Amino acid sequence: MVGTAQKDPQTKKEVLARTGNCTTNSDEIIGSQEDDFVKIFLKSGFDGDFIGTFGTTVHECLHGYDSDLADGLEWDNNTYPIAYFVDKGIVVRFAGKRLFKTEELHKEFFSKDVKNLFRYGTYVQANSGPSTASSNQWGIYGLIEEFNAYYHDVRAQVEYFKCNSYQGPSDETFGNTMHAYFEFNIFMANYLKYAKVYHKEDYDYMMKNHDLRLAYTLIEYNWRNVLTEIMGDKDLANRMPGYDEEFRLYTEELQGVMNDFMVSESELTDYKDFLSKRPSDMKVVAENKAWAEQMNLTGFGAGMNADEMTEMYEGFDNLELNFEEKDPEKHYVVILTTKSEEELMDAIFKNFPAFKKIGIIMDYELNFSVYLDKFSSRAKAEKMAKEVEKDFPGVKVI
């Protein structure tokens, strides 16, 4: 198993020997840093989660690499040296005008929901005060830096996971890291919206800074490619944790802000090869986002989320009701599949007195499926389906 069958690496040389043939850029990123720096992250220990700690090592070494790549650029009271490693042979470097800190949005501009996002306290402002990270101190430059680091983090994990035939301990997951795509786009879009109103000079500078927008654009294409790969592969997608607020809060309005920030395709003629190797289908990601939004059902459970609805129905002595994703290794005895909340409610209240358990699964096309039970054995599921066929003529096993 990944992370347990092999001795955990202790040095840069060991981690590169283990991962170098599997990943696109981790060898260059980790290899760029001194062994002692790499060891800082290796010392945190893998303990069965090699993939996650490997991703963190890539992430933190990327910050060091970008800093090294910025050497020689101007740095004074008015200017920051900026460099982003995008891919082998592609680095965007420029001296950037100092901009306002991200924390300025904290008091009145960021919504309560945004402030509750997982990474907000680390990268913008926690209860103890403003973040010391570049994502706050350097404004949008630092936000893009973290956006880039999390991309390389996710990409390295996905590549290593696939390289090892999808094997790994059950607790290994890169899904939470994937959510950074939505979080930092939310932060950046709000930063631009705020700047347009309250820091017009900074806003105009950002919109005219081709290198800044180019860096974001290329990193965004990187992200879209890896998200498409994850969402389009059930063996990857099934390792995602629950769908969270990040999906819902990256609204069409905010997406429009970031799309406007991207440079046009006509300005990317020098990157045709890069783009050709990064096919993406954001429809796959949008379907997952829509699925997440559907988890906050309107009219059904008064807009509560899945966990809250499950708790609400625990009051019925004869009913165990669970809202969940389909387990690909289970066979479900399904009595109803519908998009109608009314039809769903009717099935639940009509049938729960007769059964001790009713479950609901939802798919990416927003269908509810009500099931009576689930089995590891398809034969057992088929047996139950035959037993209840008289009461439920449409029963099926999925």
Protein backbone atom coordinates (compact mmCIF):
# COMPACT_ATOMS: atom_id res chain seq x y z
CA MET A 1 0.00 0.00 0.00
CA VAL A 2 1.17 3.51 -0.70
CA GLY A 3 2.69 5.07 2.41
CA THR A 4 2.89 1.81 4.38
CA ALA A 5 4.63 -0.79 2.23
CA GLN A 6 7.61 1.45 1.68
CA LYS A 7 9.85 3.14 4.20
CA ASP A 8 8.85 6.77 4.61
CA PRO A 9 11.42 9.01 2.91
CA GLN A 10 13.62 11.10 5.18
CA THR A 11 15.62 13.12 2.67
CA LYS A 12 15.06 15.00 -0.53
CA LYS A 13 16.92 12.27 -2.43
CA GLU A 14 14.63 9.58 -1.04
CA VAL A 15 11.39 11.39 -1.78
CA LEU A 16 12.52 12.21 -5.33
CA ALA A 17 13.52 8.60 -5.92
CA ARG A 18 10.05 7.52 -4.88
CA THR A 19 8.04 10.10 -6.81
CA GLY A 20 10.17 11.46 -9.65
CA ASN A 21 9.00 9.01 -12.31
CA CYS A 22 5.35 9.54 -11.42
CA THR A 23 4.89 13.29 -11.44
CA THR A 24 5.27 16.14 -13.88
CA ASN A 25 6.79 18.95 -11.84
CA SER A 26 7.41 17.76 -8.28
CA ASP A 27 10.98 16.71 -9.12
CA GLU A 28 11.85 20.23 -10.26
CA ILE A 29 9.97 21.92 -7.40
CA ILE A 30 11.35 19.77 -4.59
CA GLY A 31 14.74 19.45 -6.27
CA SER A 32 15.11 23.23 -6.30
CA GLN A 33 15.23 23.43 -2.51
CA GLU A 34 17.98 22.55 -0.04
CA ASP A 35 17.72 19.20 1.68
CA ASP A 36 17.30 20.80 5.11
CA PHE A 37 14.32 22.81 3.86
CA VAL A 38 12.66 19.71 2.40
CA LYS A 39 13.26 17.81 5.64
CA ILE A 40 11.14 20.33 7.55
CA PHE A 41 8.06 18.91 5.84
CA LEU A 42 9.22 15.31 5.73
CA LYS A 43 9.74 15.37 9.49
CA SER A 44 6.03 15.93 9.99
CA GLY A 45 5.77 12.19 9.28
CA PHE A 46 3.64 10.28 6.86
CA ASP A 47 1.99 7.74 9.17
CA GLY A 48 0.11 6.08 6.34
CA ASP A 49 -0.71 9.28 4.49
CA PHE A 50 2.21 9.60 2.12
CA ILE A 51 0.13 11.27 -0.57
CA GLY A 52 -1.08 14.13 1.61
CA THR A 53 2.31 14.86 3.13
CA PHE A 54 3.96 14.60 -0.28
CA GLY A 55 1.50 17.21 -1.58
CA THR A 56 2.30 19.50 1.35
CA THR A 57 6.02 19.13 0.65
CA VAL A 58 5.48 20.12 -2.99
CA HIS A 59 3.28 23.03 -1.89
CA GLU A 60 5.82 24.50 0.54
CA CYS A 61 8.79 23.91 -1.74
CA LEU A 62 6.90 25.73 -4.50
CA HIS A 63 6.86 28.84 -2.31
CA GLY A 64 10.61 28.56 -1.89
CA TYR A 65 11.11 27.98 -5.61
CA ASP A 66 8.98 30.98 -6.59
CA SER A 67 10.96 33.12 -4.16
CA ASP A 68 14.22 31.92 -5.73
CA LEU A 69 12.88 32.60 -9.23
CA ALA A 70 12.09 36.19 -8.20
CA ASP A 71 15.72 36.89 -7.28
CA GLY A 72 17.09 39.92 -9.09
CA LEU A 73 13.74 41.68 -9.42
CA GLU A 74 13.21 45.05 -7.77
CA TRP A 75 12.05 45.03 -4.13
CA ASP A 76 11.52 48.30 -2.28
CA ASN A 77 8.83 50.28 -0.47
CA ASN A 78 6.76 50.49 -3.65
CA THR A 79 7.52 47.20 -5.38
CA TYR A 80 7.38 43.45 -4.79
CA PRO A 81 9.42 40.85 -6.75
CA ILE A 82 6.90 38.37 -8.18
CA ALA A 83 7.53 34.99 -9.83
CA TYR A 84 5.21 32.07 -10.49
CA PHE A 85 6.42 28.65 -11.63
CA VAL A 86 3.58 27.44 -13.85
CA ASP A 87 5.08 24.42 -15.59
CA LYS A 88 8.40 23.18 -16.89
CA GLY A 89 9.82 26.02 -18.97
CA ILE A 90 7.03 28.44 -18.03
CA VAL A 91 7.73 31.03 -15.33
CA VAL A 92 6.00 34.41 -15.11
CA ARG A 93 8.23 37.08 -13.50
CA PHE A 94 7.68 40.79 -12.94
CA ALA A 95 8.17 43.58 -10.41
CA GLY A 96 4.71 44.40 -9.05
CA LYS A 97 3.39 47.60 -7.56
CA ARG A 98 2.54 47.21 -3.86
CA LEU A 99 -1.20 46.82 -3.38
CA PHE A 100 -3.58 46.94 -0.41
CA LYS A 101 -3.74 43.99 1.97
CA THR A 102 -6.48 41.38 1.68
CA GLU A 103 -7.41 41.88 5.35
CA GLU A 104 -9.00 45.19 4.42
CA LEU A 105 -12.02 43.24 3.15
CA HIS A 106 -12.47 41.45 6.46
CA LYS A 107 -14.45 43.99 8.47
CA GLU A 108 -17.34 44.80 6.15
CA PHE A 109 -16.85 43.28 2.68
CA PHE A 110 -16.36 39.54 3.06
CA SER A 111 -19.61 37.79 3.92
CA LYS A 112 -20.01 35.63 7.01
CA ASP A 113 -20.10 32.54 4.80
CA VAL A 114 -16.78 33.45 3.20
CA LYS A 115 -15.25 34.08 6.62
CA ASN A 116 -16.31 30.57 7.61
CA LEU A 117 -14.41 28.92 4.75
CA PHE A 118 -11.77 26.45 5.87
CA ARG A 119 -8.75 28.45 4.68
CA TYR A 120 -9.98 31.95 5.50
CA GLY A 121 -8.36 32.19 8.92
CA THR A 122 -5.00 30.94 7.68
CA TYR A 123 -4.78 33.10 4.57
CA VAL A 124 -6.83 36.23 5.32
CA GLN A 125 -7.69 36.81 8.96
CA ALA A 126 -8.29 34.61 11.99
CA ASN A 127 -9.87 35.54 15.31
CA SER A 128 -6.39 36.26 16.62
CA GLY A 129 -5.77 38.85 13.91
CA PRO A 130 -4.72 39.32 10.28
CA SER A 131 -2.77 36.55 8.57
CA THR A 132 0.98 36.95 8.18
CA ALA A 133 0.88 34.95 4.93
CA SER A 134 1.62 36.65 1.61
CA SER A 135 -2.00 35.98 0.63
CA ASN A 136 -2.87 38.80 3.02
CA GLN A 137 0.27 40.90 3.15
CA TRP A 138 0.84 40.99 -0.62
CA GLY A 139 -2.80 41.15 -1.70
CA ILE A 140 -3.66 39.50 -4.99
CA TYR A 141 -0.03 38.55 -5.68
CA GLY A 142 -0.03 36.37 -2.58
CA LEU A 143 -3.49 34.98 -3.31
CA ILE A 144 -2.29 33.83 -6.73
CA GLU A 145 0.86 32.40 -5.11
CA GLU A 146 -1.26 30.20 -2.84
CA PHE A 147 -3.60 29.37 -5.72
CA ASN A 148 -0.55 28.14 -7.63
CA ALA A 149 0.92 26.21 -4.68
CA TYR A 150 -2.33 24.37 -4.05
CA TYR A 151 -2.55 23.45 -7.74
CA HIS A 152 0.89 21.84 -7.70
CA ASP A 153 -0.05 20.19 -4.40
CA VAL A 154 -3.17 18.58 -5.91
CA ARG A 155 -1.51 17.72 -9.22
CA ALA A 156 1.38 15.92 -7.51
CA GLN A 157 -1.02 13.93 -5.31
CA VAL A 158 -3.24 12.90 -8.22
CA GLU A 159 -0.33 11.88 -10.42
CA TYR A 160 1.34 9.86 -7.68
CA PHE A 161 -1.96 8.20 -6.73
CA LYS A 162 -2.66 7.15 -10.33
CA CYS A 163 0.93 6.07 -10.84
CA ASN A 164 0.47 3.62 -7.95
CA SER A 165 -2.67 2.02 -9.38
CA TYR A 166 -5.05 4.00 -7.16
CA GLN A 167 -3.78 2.24 -4.07
CA GLY A 168 -3.56 3.91 -0.71
CA PRO A 169 -4.89 3.76 2.83
CA SER A 170 -8.54 4.66 3.15
CA ASP A 171 -7.74 7.92 4.94
CA GLU A 172 -5.67 9.31 2.09
CA THR A 173 -7.59 12.01 0.28
CA PHE A 174 -6.74 15.10 -1.71
CA GLY A 175 -10.29 16.40 -1.84
CA ASN A 176 -9.89 19.05 0.82
CA THR A 177 -6.87 20.40 -1.04
CA MET A 178 -8.97 20.52 -4.20
CA HIS A 179 -11.39 22.91 -2.49
CA ALA A 180 -8.63 25.53 -2.51
CA TYR A 181 -9.51 26.17 -6.16
CA PHE A 182 -12.88 27.59 -5.13
CA GLU A 183 -11.68 29.30 -1.97
CA PHE A 184 -8.91 31.32 -3.59
CA ASN A 185 -11.03 32.23 -6.58
CA ILE A 186 -13.63 33.50 -4.11
CA PHE A 187 -10.98 35.53 -2.29
CA MET A 188 -9.52 36.94 -5.52
CA ALA A 189 -12.86 37.82 -7.09
CA ASN A 190 -13.90 39.70 -3.96
CA TYR A 191 -10.51 41.42 -3.85
CA LEU A 192 -11.02 42.68 -7.41
CA LYS A 193 -14.61 43.76 -6.72
CA TYR A 194 -13.51 45.66 -3.63
CA ALA A 195 -10.58 47.28 -5.46
CA LYS A 196 -12.85 48.46 -8.27
CA VAL A 197 -14.86 50.51 -5.75
CA TYR A 198 -12.38 51.47 -3.03
CA HIS A 199 -8.94 51.30 -4.66
CA LYS A 200 -9.54 52.37 -8.25
CA GLU A 201 -5.85 53.06 -8.91
CA ASP A 202 -4.87 49.58 -7.75
CA TYR A 203 -7.73 48.06 -9.72
CA ASP A 204 -6.70 49.80 -12.93
CA TYR A 205 -3.11 48.69 -12.35
CA MET A 206 -4.14 45.05 -11.89
CA MET A 207 -6.33 45.05 -14.99
CA LYS A 208 -3.50 46.58 -17.07
CA ASN A 209 -0.82 44.27 -15.68
CA HIS A 210 -0.53 41.67 -18.44
CA ASP A 211 1.97 39.49 -16.58
CA LEU A 212 -0.25 39.30 -13.48
CA ARG A 213 -3.29 38.35 -15.52
CA LEU A 214 -1.27 35.93 -17.64
CA ALA A 215 -0.03 34.14 -14.52
CA TYR A 216 -3.56 33.78 -13.19
CA THR A 217 -4.84 32.60 -16.58
CA LEU A 218 -2.24 29.84 -16.99
CA ILE A 219 -2.69 28.65 -13.41
CA GLU A 220 -6.47 28.68 -13.88
CA TYR A 221 -6.05 26.45 -16.95
CA ASN A 222 -3.87 24.14 -14.86
CA TRP A 223 -6.59 23.93 -12.24
CA ARG A 224 -9.39 23.36 -14.75
CA ASN A 225 -7.43 20.48 -16.25
CA VAL A 226 -6.81 18.71 -12.93
CA LEU A 227 -10.39 19.29 -11.73
CA THR A 228 -11.70 17.76 -14.95
CA GLU A 229 -9.41 14.80 -14.46
CA ILE A 230 -10.58 14.29 -10.88
CA MET A 231 -14.29 14.73 -11.52
CA GLY A 232 -14.22 12.64 -14.67
CA ASP A 233 -12.62 9.64 -12.94
CA LYS A 234 -14.85 7.87 -10.43
CA ASP A 235 -11.85 6.26 -8.74
CA LEU A 236 -10.55 9.75 -8.02
CA ALA A 237 -13.87 11.51 -7.46
CA ASN A 238 -15.02 8.91 -4.94
CA ARG A 239 -12.12 9.92 -2.70
CA MET A 240 -13.47 13.42 -2.35
CA PRO A 241 -14.86 14.46 1.04
CA GLY A 242 -18.33 15.97 1.35
CA TYR A 243 -19.25 18.77 -1.02
CA ASP A 244 -18.89 22.00 0.90
CA GLU A 245 -19.71 25.69 0.85
CA GLU A 246 -16.80 26.42 -1.50
CA PHE A 247 -18.81 25.12 -4.45
CA ARG A 248 -21.90 27.15 -3.63
CA LEU A 249 -20.07 30.38 -2.80
CA TYR A 250 -18.14 30.55 -6.06
CA THR A 251 -21.14 32.10 -7.75
CA GLU A 252 -21.65 32.91 -11.42
CA GLU A 253 -21.02 36.55 -10.59
CA LEU A 254 -17.62 35.78 -9.03
CA GLN A 255 -16.77 33.41 -11.87
CA GLY A 256 -17.51 36.26 -14.26
CA VAL A 257 -15.13 38.55 -12.36
CA MET A 258 -12.32 36.03 -12.69
CA ASN A 259 -13.11 35.24 -16.32
CA ASP A 260 -12.81 38.96 -17.08
CA PHE A 261 -9.46 38.97 -15.30
CA MET A 262 -8.08 36.27 -17.59
CA VAL A 263 -6.21 37.29 -20.72
CA SER A 264 -7.89 36.49 -24.02
CA GLU A 265 -7.06 33.44 -26.13
CA SER A 266 -5.56 35.73 -28.77
CA GLU A 267 -2.95 36.74 -26.18
CA LEU A 268 -1.94 33.11 -25.56
CA THR A 269 -0.42 32.28 -28.94
CA ASP A 270 2.93 31.58 -27.26
CA TYR A 271 1.28 28.96 -25.05
CA LYS A 272 -0.51 26.80 -27.63
CA ASP A 273 1.45 23.70 -26.67
CA PHE A 274 0.76 24.30 -22.97
CA LEU A 275 -2.97 24.67 -23.61
CA SER A 276 -3.19 21.68 -25.94
CA LYS A 277 -1.94 19.45 -23.12
CA ARG A 278 -4.58 20.76 -20.71
CA PRO A 279 -8.00 19.74 -21.97
CA SER A 280 -10.77 20.65 -19.58
CA ASP A 281 -14.50 20.30 -19.29
CA MET A 282 -15.82 22.57 -16.57
CA LYS A 283 -19.29 21.13 -17.16
CA VAL A 284 -18.16 18.15 -15.08
CA VAL A 285 -17.15 20.50 -12.27
CA ALA A 286 -20.34 22.54 -12.66
CA GLU A 287 -22.41 19.38 -12.28
CA ASN A 288 -20.69 18.70 -8.99
CA LYS A 289 -21.28 22.29 -7.94
CA ALA A 290 -24.96 22.00 -8.83
CA TRP A 291 -25.14 18.77 -6.85
CA ALA A 292 -23.65 20.55 -3.85
CA GLU A 293 -26.19 23.35 -4.13
CA GLN A 294 -28.99 20.79 -4.26
CA MET A 295 -27.84 19.54 -0.86
CA ASN A 296 -29.28 22.80 0.50
CA LEU A 297 -32.79 21.83 -0.56
CA THR A 298 -35.46 24.47 -0.70
CA GLY A 299 -38.93 23.50 0.49
CA PHE A 300 -37.62 20.15 1.72
CA GLY A 301 -36.50 20.36 5.32
CA ALA A 302 -36.76 24.19 5.20
CA GLY A 303 -33.52 24.60 3.30
CA MET A 304 -31.47 22.48 5.72
CA ASN A 305 -28.41 20.65 4.56
CA ALA A 306 -28.19 16.86 4.38
CA ASP A 307 -26.78 16.34 7.87
CA GLU A 308 -29.47 18.54 9.43
CA MET A 309 -32.23 16.75 7.54
CA THR A 310 -30.90 13.38 8.67
CA GLU A 311 -30.96 14.61 12.28
CA MET A 312 -34.52 15.89 11.86
CA TYR A 313 -35.80 12.47 10.85
CA GLU A 314 -34.06 10.68 13.70
CA GLY A 315 -37.18 11.47 15.70
CA PHE A 316 -39.10 8.74 13.87
CA ASP A 317 -38.64 5.56 15.89
CA ASN A 318 -39.09 3.26 12.90
CA LEU A 319 -36.97 5.21 10.43
CA GLU A 320 -33.29 5.51 9.83
CA LEU A 321 -32.92 8.11 7.06
CA ASN A 322 -29.52 8.86 5.55
CA PHE A 323 -28.56 11.30 2.81
CA GLU A 324 -25.34 10.20 1.14
CA GLU A 325 -23.33 9.67 -2.01
CA LYS A 326 -23.57 6.30 -3.72
CA ASP A 327 -20.95 3.81 -2.62
CA PRO A 328 -19.64 2.28 -5.88
CA GLU A 329 -19.00 -1.02 -4.11
CA LYS A 330 -22.57 -1.40 -2.84
CA HIS A 331 -25.77 -2.57 -4.55
CA TYR A 332 -28.87 -0.57 -3.65
CA VAL A 333 -32.47 -1.78 -3.66
CA VAL A 334 -34.12 1.35 -5.08
CA ILE A 335 -37.88 1.89 -5.03
CA LEU A 336 -37.96 5.37 -6.54
CA THR A 337 -35.75 7.69 -8.58
CA THR A 338 -37.02 11.23 -9.07
CA LYS A 339 -36.07 14.89 -9.32
CA SER A 340 -39.34 15.87 -7.59
CA GLU A 341 -39.10 16.73 -3.91
CA GLU A 342 -42.88 16.25 -3.60
CA GLU A 343 -42.69 12.72 -4.99
CA LEU A 344 -39.71 12.03 -2.75
CA MET A 345 -41.55 13.18 0.37
CA ASP A 346 -44.60 11.14 -0.59
CA ALA A 347 -42.47 8.00 -0.86
CA ILE A 348 -40.85 8.61 2.51
CA PHE A 349 -44.01 9.28 4.50
CA LYS A 350 -46.01 6.58 2.75
CA ASN A 351 -43.46 3.86 3.27
CA PHE A 352 -41.47 4.56 6.42
CA PRO A 353 -43.95 2.77 8.79
CA ALA A 354 -43.31 -0.50 6.92
CA PHE A 355 -39.51 -0.33 6.90
CA LYS A 356 -36.95 0.29 9.58
CA LYS A 357 -34.53 1.90 7.18
CA ILE A 358 -34.90 4.17 4.19
CA GLY A 359 -31.94 5.85 2.56
CA ILE A 360 -31.51 8.48 -0.10
CA ILE A 361 -28.66 8.87 -2.53
CA MET A 362 -28.18 11.73 -4.96
CA ASP A 363 -26.31 11.69 -8.24
CA TYR A 364 -24.60 14.42 -10.26
CA GLU A 365 -27.75 14.91 -12.38
CA LEU A 366 -29.69 15.87 -9.23
CA ASN A 367 -31.78 12.70 -9.08
CA PHE A 368 -32.96 11.44 -5.67
CA SER A 369 -32.98 7.65 -5.33
CA VAL A 370 -34.86 6.17 -2.37
CA TYR A 371 -33.51 2.79 -1.33
CA LEU A 372 -34.66 0.21 1.18
CA ASP A 373 -31.26 -1.34 1.82
CA LYS A 374 -27.80 -1.77 0.34
CA PHE A 375 -25.62 -4.86 0.07
CA SER A 376 -22.08 -5.80 -0.83
CA SER A 377 -23.55 -8.80 -2.67
CA ARG A 378 -25.66 -8.11 -5.74
CA ALA A 379 -27.36 -11.48 -5.28
CA LYS A 380 -28.65 -10.42 -1.85
CA ALA A 381 -29.87 -7.13 -3.29
CA GLU A 382 -31.70 -8.95 -6.11
CA LYS A 383 -33.28 -11.30 -3.55
CA MET A 384 -34.68 -8.41 -1.56
CA ALA A 385 -35.92 -6.71 -4.72
CA LYS A 386 -37.94 -9.80 -5.61
CA GLU A 387 -39.39 -9.95 -2.10
CA VAL A 388 -40.71 -6.38 -2.26
CA GLU A 389 -41.63 -6.34 -5.96
CA LYS A 390 -45.33 -6.80 -5.19
CA ASP A 391 -45.42 -3.64 -3.10
CA PHE A 392 -42.99 -1.74 -5.33
CA PRO A 393 -43.42 -2.78 -9.00
CA GLY A 394 -40.68 -0.38 -10.10
CA VAL A 395 -38.05 -1.69 -7.70
CA LYS A 396 -34.56 -2.06 -9.17
CA VAL A 397 -31.03 -2.77 -8.09
CA ILE A 398 -28.37 -0.18 -8.88
